[in-house]
């Protein structure tokens, strides 16, 4: 088989966002092939793994270990402008309630509703020791 030309940012149409490096390691194992990295824009601090599953070119994105932010997806989309389909797959906590009994290990699929894009951030902090938030 002939060597394939290197892919560009515009060749990737599926974005897979991981919140944790451990999730990124698991996602990498799902790829059929892993492609060489592309030069990273100076404003982009995400870590990327490029590859494919079948005929789909996929970019897996994660913030570097120890960095917490909610801009990973926005940066991914500014660097890889041909993304048509996005996934956020990872380890989630449970959210049991009387309306929706969601527990660790459940699969949750978002749905577009009115002005919601399907993903809603509901926590803007982290509980720390000493009762600090």
N, C-alpha and C. Protein backbone atom coordinates (compact mmCIF):
# COMPACT_ATOMS: atom_id res chain seq x y z
N UNK A 1 0.85 -1.17 0.00
CA UNK A 1 0.00 0.00 0.00
C UNK A 1 0.90 1.23 0.00
N UNK A 2 0.56 2.24 -0.79
CA UNK A 2 1.35 3.45 -0.88
C UNK A 2 1.22 4.27 0.40
N UNK A 3 2.30 5.00 0.71
CA UNK A 3 2.27 5.86 1.89
C UNK A 3 1.22 6.96 1.70
N UNK A 4 0.54 7.25 2.73
CA UNK A 4 -0.53 8.25 2.69
C UNK A 4 0.07 9.64 2.91
N UNK A 5 -0.46 10.63 2.19
CA UNK A 5 -0.03 12.01 2.41
C UNK A 5 -0.42 12.42 3.82
N UNK A 6 0.41 13.28 4.44
CA UNK A 6 0.03 13.74 5.79
C UNK A 6 -1.31 14.47 5.75
N UNK A 7 -2.09 14.28 6.79
CA UNK A 7 -3.39 14.93 6.87
C UNK A 7 -3.22 16.34 7.41
N UNK A 8 -4.21 17.20 7.12
CA UNK A 8 -4.20 18.58 7.61
C UNK A 8 -5.30 18.73 8.65
N UNK A 9 -5.36 19.88 9.28
CA UNK A 9 -6.42 20.16 10.25
C UNK A 9 -7.81 19.96 9.64
N UNK A 10 -7.96 20.28 8.37
CA UNK A 10 -9.28 20.20 7.72
C UNK A 10 -9.71 18.79 7.37
N UNK A 11 -8.84 17.81 7.54
CA UNK A 11 -9.19 16.42 7.24
C UNK A 11 -9.94 15.72 8.38
N UNK A 12 -10.02 16.37 9.53
CA UNK A 12 -10.64 15.75 10.70
C UNK A 12 -12.06 16.26 10.87
N UNK A 13 -13.02 15.32 10.92
CA UNK A 13 -14.43 15.70 10.99
C UNK A 13 -15.11 15.24 12.28
N UNK A 14 -14.43 14.43 13.08
CA UNK A 14 -14.99 13.98 14.35
C UNK A 14 -14.07 14.45 15.47
N UNK A 15 -14.65 15.15 16.44
CA UNK A 15 -13.91 15.60 17.62
C UNK A 15 -14.36 14.81 18.84
N UNK A 16 -13.40 14.29 19.58
CA UNK A 16 -13.68 13.48 20.77
C UNK A 16 -12.99 14.19 21.93
N UNK A 17 -13.75 14.72 22.85
CA UNK A 17 -13.21 15.49 23.96
C UNK A 17 -13.16 14.64 25.22
N UNK A 18 -12.01 14.66 25.85
CA UNK A 18 -11.81 13.94 27.10
C UNK A 18 -11.47 14.95 28.19
N UNK A 19 -12.09 14.81 29.34
CA UNK A 19 -11.81 15.73 30.45
C UNK A 19 -10.55 15.35 31.20
N UNK A 20 -10.17 14.09 31.16
CA UNK A 20 -9.03 13.60 31.93
C UNK A 20 -8.06 12.83 31.05
N UNK A 21 -6.75 12.89 31.35
CA UNK A 21 -5.77 12.11 30.58
C UNK A 21 -6.07 10.60 30.60
N UNK A 22 -6.61 10.08 31.69
CA UNK A 22 -6.97 8.66 31.76
C UNK A 22 -8.03 8.32 30.72
N UNK A 23 -8.99 9.23 30.52
CA UNK A 23 -10.02 9.02 29.51
C UNK A 23 -9.41 9.06 28.11
N UNK A 24 -8.44 9.95 27.92
CA UNK A 24 -7.77 10.05 26.62
C UNK A 24 -7.01 8.77 26.29
N UNK A 25 -6.37 8.18 27.30
CA UNK A 25 -5.64 6.92 27.09
C UNK A 25 -6.59 5.81 26.65
N UNK A 26 -7.78 5.75 27.24
CA UNK A 26 -8.78 4.75 26.85
C UNK A 26 -9.30 5.03 25.45
N UNK A 27 -9.54 6.31 25.12
CA UNK A 27 -10.02 6.68 23.79
C UNK A 27 -9.01 6.30 22.71
N UNK A 28 -7.74 6.50 23.00
CA UNK A 28 -6.67 6.17 22.04
C UNK A 28 -6.72 4.70 21.64
N UNK A 29 -7.08 3.84 22.58
CA UNK A 29 -7.16 2.40 22.30
C UNK A 29 -8.29 2.05 21.34
N UNK A 30 -9.26 2.95 21.17
CA UNK A 30 -10.37 2.72 20.26
C UNK A 30 -10.01 2.99 18.80
N UNK A 31 -8.92 3.71 18.55
CA UNK A 31 -8.55 4.08 17.19
C UNK A 31 -8.02 2.89 16.40
N UNK A 32 -8.36 2.84 15.12
CA UNK A 32 -7.82 1.81 14.23
C UNK A 32 -6.37 2.13 13.86
N UNK A 33 -6.07 3.40 13.69
CA UNK A 33 -4.72 3.85 13.36
C UNK A 33 -4.48 5.18 14.05
N UNK A 34 -3.21 5.44 14.36
CA UNK A 34 -2.82 6.71 14.97
C UNK A 34 -1.96 7.45 13.97
N UNK A 35 -2.26 8.74 13.77
CA UNK A 35 -1.55 9.56 12.79
C UNK A 35 -0.56 10.49 13.48
N UNK A 36 0.42 10.98 12.72
CA UNK A 36 1.39 11.93 13.30
C UNK A 36 0.70 13.21 13.75
N UNK A 37 1.28 13.84 14.76
CA UNK A 37 0.75 15.11 15.27
C UNK A 37 0.92 16.22 14.25
N UNK A 38 0.08 17.23 14.39
CA UNK A 38 0.19 18.45 13.59
C UNK A 38 0.79 19.55 14.47
N UNK A 39 1.42 20.55 13.86
CA UNK A 39 1.93 21.66 14.67
C UNK A 39 0.78 22.33 15.42
N UNK A 40 0.99 22.61 16.69
CA UNK A 40 -0.08 23.18 17.52
C UNK A 40 0.01 24.70 17.52
N UNK A 41 -1.13 25.39 17.27
CA UNK A 41 -1.12 26.85 17.35
C UNK A 41 -0.71 27.31 18.75
N UNK A 42 -0.02 28.44 18.87
CA UNK A 42 0.46 28.88 20.18
C UNK A 42 -0.66 29.16 21.19
N UNK A 43 -1.86 29.44 20.74
CA UNK A 43 -2.98 29.71 21.65
C UNK A 43 -3.73 28.45 22.05
N UNK A 44 -3.31 27.30 21.58
CA UNK A 44 -3.99 26.03 21.83
C UNK A 44 -3.17 25.20 22.81
N UNK A 45 -3.66 25.02 24.03
CA UNK A 45 -2.92 24.23 25.00
C UNK A 45 -3.44 22.80 25.14
N UNK A 46 -4.41 22.42 24.31
CA UNK A 46 -4.92 21.04 24.34
C UNK A 46 -3.83 20.06 23.93
N UNK A 47 -3.97 18.84 24.43
CA UNK A 47 -3.17 17.71 23.97
C UNK A 47 -4.05 16.96 22.98
N UNK A 48 -3.49 16.56 21.83
CA UNK A 48 -4.28 15.89 20.80
C UNK A 48 -3.68 14.54 20.44
N UNK A 49 -4.57 13.60 20.11
CA UNK A 49 -4.21 12.35 19.47
C UNK A 49 -5.03 12.29 18.20
N UNK A 50 -4.38 12.05 17.07
CA UNK A 50 -5.04 12.02 15.78
C UNK A 50 -5.07 10.59 15.27
N UNK A 51 -6.17 10.21 14.64
CA UNK A 51 -6.26 8.88 14.10
C UNK A 51 -7.57 8.68 13.36
N UNK A 52 -7.92 7.41 13.21
CA UNK A 52 -9.18 7.11 12.53
C UNK A 52 -9.84 5.89 13.14
N UNK A 53 -11.15 5.83 12.94
CA UNK A 53 -11.95 4.63 13.17
C UNK A 53 -12.70 4.43 11.87
N UNK A 54 -12.41 3.35 11.16
CA UNK A 54 -12.99 3.14 9.84
C UNK A 54 -12.54 4.26 8.92
N UNK A 55 -13.50 4.88 8.26
CA UNK A 55 -13.18 5.98 7.33
C UNK A 55 -13.26 7.35 7.99
N UNK A 56 -13.48 7.40 9.29
CA UNK A 56 -13.64 8.66 10.00
C UNK A 56 -12.32 9.10 10.62
N UNK A 57 -11.84 10.29 10.21
CA UNK A 57 -10.66 10.87 10.82
C UNK A 57 -11.08 11.57 12.10
N UNK A 58 -10.42 11.20 13.19
CA UNK A 58 -10.84 11.63 14.53
C UNK A 58 -9.70 12.35 15.22
N UNK A 59 -10.05 13.44 15.89
CA UNK A 59 -9.10 14.13 16.76
C UNK A 59 -9.61 13.98 18.19
N UNK A 60 -8.76 13.42 19.05
CA UNK A 60 -9.09 13.28 20.47
C UNK A 60 -8.38 14.42 21.19
N UNK A 61 -9.13 15.18 21.98
CA UNK A 61 -8.57 16.35 22.65
C UNK A 61 -8.71 16.22 24.16
N UNK A 62 -7.69 16.72 24.86
CA UNK A 62 -7.71 16.76 26.32
C UNK A 62 -6.82 17.91 26.76
N UNK A 63 -7.19 18.55 27.85
CA UNK A 63 -6.30 19.55 28.42
C UNK A 63 -5.10 18.83 29.05
N UNK A 64 -3.95 19.47 29.09
CA UNK A 64 -2.79 18.82 29.72
C UNK A 64 -3.08 18.44 31.17
N UNK A 65 -2.40 17.42 31.66
CA UNK A 65 -2.59 16.94 33.02
C UNK A 65 -2.40 18.09 34.01
N UNK A 66 -3.34 18.22 34.94
CA UNK A 66 -3.27 19.26 35.96
C UNK A 66 -3.91 20.57 35.57
N UNK A 67 -4.37 20.71 34.32
CA UNK A 67 -5.01 21.95 33.86
C UNK A 67 -6.52 21.71 33.83
N UNK A 68 -7.28 22.62 34.45
CA UNK A 68 -8.73 22.51 34.47
C UNK A 68 -9.33 23.74 33.83
N UNK A 69 -10.23 23.53 32.89
CA UNK A 69 -10.85 24.64 32.18
C UNK A 69 -12.06 24.12 31.44
N UNK A 70 -12.87 25.02 30.92
CA UNK A 70 -14.01 24.61 30.11
C UNK A 70 -13.84 25.06 28.66
N UNK A 71 -12.62 25.38 28.24
CA UNK A 71 -12.41 25.88 26.88
C UNK A 71 -11.83 24.84 25.93
N UNK A 72 -11.68 23.60 26.37
CA UNK A 72 -11.12 22.57 25.52
C UNK A 72 -11.88 22.43 24.21
N UNK A 73 -13.21 22.41 24.26
CA UNK A 73 -14.03 22.24 23.05
C UNK A 73 -13.92 23.44 22.14
N UNK A 74 -13.95 24.64 22.69
CA UNK A 74 -13.85 25.85 21.87
C UNK A 74 -12.51 25.90 21.15
N UNK A 75 -11.45 25.55 21.84
CA UNK A 75 -10.12 25.56 21.22
C UNK A 75 -10.03 24.48 20.14
N UNK A 76 -10.58 23.30 20.42
CA UNK A 76 -10.60 22.23 19.43
C UNK A 76 -11.26 22.71 18.15
N UNK A 77 -12.41 23.35 18.27
CA UNK A 77 -13.15 23.80 17.09
C UNK A 77 -12.46 24.94 16.36
N UNK A 78 -11.69 25.76 17.06
CA UNK A 78 -10.97 26.82 16.36
C UNK A 78 -9.75 26.27 15.63
N UNK A 79 -9.15 25.20 16.14
CA UNK A 79 -8.00 24.60 15.46
C UNK A 79 -8.42 23.64 14.35
N UNK A 80 -9.46 22.86 14.60
CA UNK A 80 -9.95 21.87 13.63
C UNK A 80 -11.33 22.33 13.16
N UNK A 81 -11.37 23.18 12.16
CA UNK A 81 -12.60 23.84 11.75
C UNK A 81 -13.55 22.98 10.94
N UNK A 82 -13.14 21.78 10.54
CA UNK A 82 -14.02 20.89 9.77
C UNK A 82 -14.76 19.88 10.63
N UNK A 83 -14.64 19.99 11.96
CA UNK A 83 -15.34 19.07 12.85
C UNK A 83 -16.85 19.21 12.62
N UNK A 84 -17.49 18.08 12.32
CA UNK A 84 -18.94 18.07 12.09
C UNK A 84 -19.70 17.33 13.18
N UNK A 85 -18.97 16.54 13.96
CA UNK A 85 -19.61 15.70 14.96
C UNK A 85 -18.70 15.67 16.18
N UNK A 86 -19.27 15.92 17.36
CA UNK A 86 -18.48 15.95 18.58
C UNK A 86 -18.96 14.95 19.60
N UNK A 87 -18.01 14.37 20.30
CA UNK A 87 -18.30 13.43 21.38
C UNK A 87 -17.60 13.90 22.64
N UNK A 88 -18.23 13.75 23.75
CA UNK A 88 -17.56 13.89 25.03
C UNK A 88 -17.83 12.60 25.77
N UNK A 89 -16.81 11.80 25.88
CA UNK A 89 -16.94 10.48 26.46
C UNK A 89 -15.96 10.40 27.61
N UNK A 90 -16.43 9.96 28.75
CA UNK A 90 -15.49 9.86 29.86
C UNK A 90 -16.14 9.34 31.11
N UNK A 91 -15.37 9.45 32.16
CA UNK A 91 -15.80 9.00 33.47
C UNK A 91 -16.66 10.10 34.06
N UNK A 92 -17.88 9.79 34.40
CA UNK A 92 -18.76 10.79 34.97
C UNK A 92 -19.24 10.38 36.34
N UNK A 93 -19.60 11.34 37.11
CA UNK A 93 -20.17 11.06 38.42
C UNK A 93 -21.65 10.79 38.30
N UNK A 94 -22.22 10.23 39.30
CA UNK A 94 -23.65 9.97 39.30
C UNK A 94 -24.43 11.21 39.66
N UNK A 95 -25.65 11.31 39.15
CA UNK A 95 -26.55 12.42 39.45
C UNK A 95 -27.92 11.83 39.76
N UNK A 96 -28.02 11.03 40.82
CA UNK A 96 -29.33 10.43 41.09
C UNK A 96 -30.33 11.48 41.55
N UNK A 97 -31.54 11.39 41.02
CA UNK A 97 -32.63 12.28 41.43
C UNK A 97 -33.94 11.54 41.22
N UNK A 98 -35.04 12.14 41.65
CA UNK A 98 -36.34 11.49 41.47
C UNK A 98 -36.78 11.51 40.01
N UNK A 99 -36.27 12.48 39.21
CA UNK A 99 -36.66 12.56 37.79
C UNK A 99 -35.78 11.70 36.89
N UNK A 100 -34.49 11.65 37.16
CA UNK A 100 -33.56 10.90 36.32
C UNK A 100 -32.51 10.26 37.23
N UNK A 101 -32.59 8.97 37.38
CA UNK A 101 -31.68 8.25 38.28
C UNK A 101 -30.41 7.88 37.51
N UNK A 102 -29.51 8.84 37.36
CA UNK A 102 -28.26 8.63 36.62
C UNK A 102 -27.18 8.24 37.60
N UNK A 103 -26.52 7.14 37.33
CA UNK A 103 -25.49 6.63 38.22
C UNK A 103 -24.19 6.39 37.46
N UNK A 104 -23.10 6.30 38.20
CA UNK A 104 -21.80 6.04 37.60
C UNK A 104 -21.87 4.78 36.76
N UNK A 105 -21.43 4.88 35.51
CA UNK A 105 -21.46 3.76 34.59
C UNK A 105 -22.60 3.84 33.58
N UNK A 106 -23.57 4.68 33.84
CA UNK A 106 -24.67 4.87 32.89
C UNK A 106 -24.19 5.61 31.65
N UNK A 107 -24.84 5.39 30.55
CA UNK A 107 -24.56 6.13 29.31
C UNK A 107 -25.59 7.24 29.19
N UNK A 108 -25.10 8.46 29.01
CA UNK A 108 -25.97 9.62 28.90
C UNK A 108 -25.75 10.24 27.53
N UNK A 109 -26.80 10.47 26.79
CA UNK A 109 -26.73 11.08 25.47
C UNK A 109 -27.47 12.40 25.54
N UNK A 110 -26.81 13.47 25.11
CA UNK A 110 -27.45 14.78 25.19
C UNK A 110 -28.44 14.96 24.05
N UNK A 111 -29.32 15.91 24.24
CA UNK A 111 -30.35 16.19 23.24
C UNK A 111 -30.51 17.70 23.12
N UNK A 112 -30.58 18.20 21.90
CA UNK A 112 -30.81 19.62 21.69
C UNK A 112 -32.23 19.96 22.14
N UNK A 113 -32.35 20.96 22.98
CA UNK A 113 -33.66 21.40 23.46
C UNK A 113 -33.65 22.92 23.49
N UNK A 114 -34.59 23.53 22.76
CA UNK A 114 -34.70 24.98 22.70
C UNK A 114 -33.34 25.62 22.41
N UNK A 115 -32.83 26.40 23.35
CA UNK A 115 -31.55 27.08 23.12
C UNK A 115 -30.36 26.27 23.61
N UNK A 116 -30.59 25.16 24.30
CA UNK A 116 -29.50 24.32 24.80
C UNK A 116 -28.86 23.57 23.65
N UNK A 117 -27.54 23.55 23.61
CA UNK A 117 -26.81 22.82 22.58
C UNK A 117 -26.63 21.35 22.95
N UNK A 118 -27.20 20.91 24.05
CA UNK A 118 -27.13 19.51 24.42
C UNK A 118 -26.20 19.22 25.58
N UNK A 119 -25.32 20.16 25.91
CA UNK A 119 -24.42 19.99 27.05
C UNK A 119 -24.55 21.23 27.91
N UNK A 120 -24.83 21.03 29.17
CA UNK A 120 -25.01 22.15 30.08
C UNK A 120 -24.05 21.99 31.25
N UNK A 121 -23.22 22.99 31.49
CA UNK A 121 -22.33 22.95 32.64
C UNK A 121 -23.14 23.37 33.85
N UNK A 122 -23.18 22.52 34.87
CA UNK A 122 -23.99 22.85 36.03
C UNK A 122 -23.15 23.12 37.26
N UNK A 123 -21.87 22.81 37.22
CA UNK A 123 -21.01 23.12 38.36
C UNK A 123 -19.92 24.07 37.90
N UNK A 124 -19.65 25.05 38.67
CA UNK A 124 -18.63 26.01 38.31
C UNK A 124 -17.54 26.05 39.37
N UNK A 125 -17.30 24.93 40.01
CA UNK A 125 -16.30 24.90 41.06
C UNK A 125 -15.99 23.50 41.48
N UNK A 126 -15.21 23.41 42.53
CA UNK A 126 -14.78 22.13 43.04
C UNK A 126 -14.72 22.21 44.56
N UNK A 127 -15.22 21.21 45.24
CA UNK A 127 -15.14 21.18 46.68
C UNK A 127 -13.71 20.85 47.09
N UNK A 128 -13.13 21.67 47.95
CA UNK A 128 -11.77 21.48 48.42
C UNK A 128 -11.78 21.17 49.91
N UNK A 129 -10.63 20.77 50.44
CA UNK A 129 -10.56 20.49 51.87
C UNK A 129 -10.77 21.77 52.67
N UNK A 130 -11.22 21.65 53.88
CA UNK A 130 -11.47 22.81 54.72
C UNK A 130 -12.78 23.51 54.40
N UNK A 131 -13.66 22.86 53.63
CA UNK A 131 -14.95 23.44 53.32
C UNK A 131 -14.92 24.52 52.27
N UNK A 132 -13.79 24.71 51.59
CA UNK A 132 -13.70 25.71 50.55
C UNK A 132 -14.28 25.17 49.25
N UNK A 133 -14.83 26.10 48.43
CA UNK A 133 -15.36 25.72 47.12
C UNK A 133 -14.64 26.53 46.07
